[in-house]
Structure formats: structure tokens, C-alpha cells
Amino acid sequence: MEEFHNILRSSLLVAQFLAALVGTFYFFRLKNSYWKWFAIYLVFIFIQEFFWRNRSSFFGVPMKGYYIYFGTVLEWIFFYWLYALKSLKKKRLFLVCSLIYLITIGIAILSSKDINQVSGLSLNVGTIILTLLVVLEFIKQIKNDDILRFRENKMFYINIAMVLFYLGSYPFHVYAKELYNEHKTIYDVYFTYFLISNCIMYLLFTASFIWGKMES
């Protein structure tokens, strides 16, 4: 199983590279649209993942610390921006979601020395907020003709990706330690899902550039 997981980890990096490559290819077509930032985001994610692939620290900064204090924060805020501000066009919702997340994580960082607790809280709060935005986005698509043109809707691909990976793997993150210690077989199966859904997420991001319309 470990060998299979290593193959999936390598496949994930390939999927991230493909998404970044396709995003770069479409960048100039999207340069007058906010979707150009999605392309830049995917390039950043690939560089970040490639950089930390075989490193546990860099100039004294541990990998986990980097993700908790910067990498993961950037990912959550970017998706709040994409969903709330750009797709749903609700500036106040974006500000509220971002502030709730940042204030919660800020308090956790100041009050706890356990990096794992901060990481867990970041995941819990980030996923709960994202779930709300995903539901609102689905409601938006259902209420108008977007659902009939789902193949051309960039947010349709991104929404499905969020459901499969972030929401689908959320229970795994919550109970990972317990599953690993008491139900290793279930842990291995769920970890496999985590890796596969992560790969599919980036393939869906890639599809959003190829089939999605800039106006969506």
C-alpha cells in the first residue's frame, strides 16, 4: 500500500504541474479577467509543492510551520475571494469569511504552542466556511440557467473539485490519528481516497480552463 501511495503522490505532483501548465497557456487569454489570478494561483501551488516535496525545513523554517502560517492561509483566502467576492459578488461575505478565519487562526497561534492544534483548527474553520460557500454556489447555479450550461461554467468544475477533495476528505483529517492507531486498514483506504481526490481536483481545475468560458 505504501508503494501505491508513493505513486499517487507522484501523480498528484504531475496533476498540479498539468494544471499550472494549462493555466499558464490560457493566462494571456484571461489577462483582462479575474480568472488570470486562478492561473497564477495554480502556478504558485505547483512551485510550493515541488519545493517542499523532499524538504522538511528551509533555513530553520519547518515545512508544517510554513503551511500553517502562510501556504494554507493563502489557499483558504484565495478560495473565499473566488467564491464570495468574484462568483457570488458579495464583498461583505468575503470580508466576513476571511476575518472569521484569520481571527480564529490568530487567536489559536497566540494561545497554543501546539502546531498540530493550530493546524487542526485551521482545517476545521477553513472547511466549514468553504462548505457554506460551496452550498451558496450550487444554489446560485441551480437558480438560473448556469446549470444547463455546466460544461461551460468554470465554477461548476471548481465546485465539484471542492466537494470531492476538501469536503470529501474532511472526516479523514478529523479522525486520521484515531484511524491510524486503531483501524489502519480504514486509514489506508481513506488516505488513498485523499490522494486520488486531490489528483482529480487538479484535473478538474485543468478542465475549467479548457472547457469553461471566461464569462462564467
Foldseek 3Di string as FASTA:
>chain_A
DVVVVVVLVVLLLVLLVLLLVLLVVCLVVCVVFPCNVVSVVSVVVSVLCVVCVPPQADPRRGPLNCCLVPVVLVVLLVVLCCQQCPPVVHPVLSVVLNCVLVVVLVVCVVPDPDSVVSVLVSLVSSLVSVVVSLVVNVVVCVVDCNVVVVQQALVSLLSVLCCQASVVLSVCSVCVVVCVVPPVVVNVVSVVSNSVSSSSNSVSSSSSSVRYDSVD
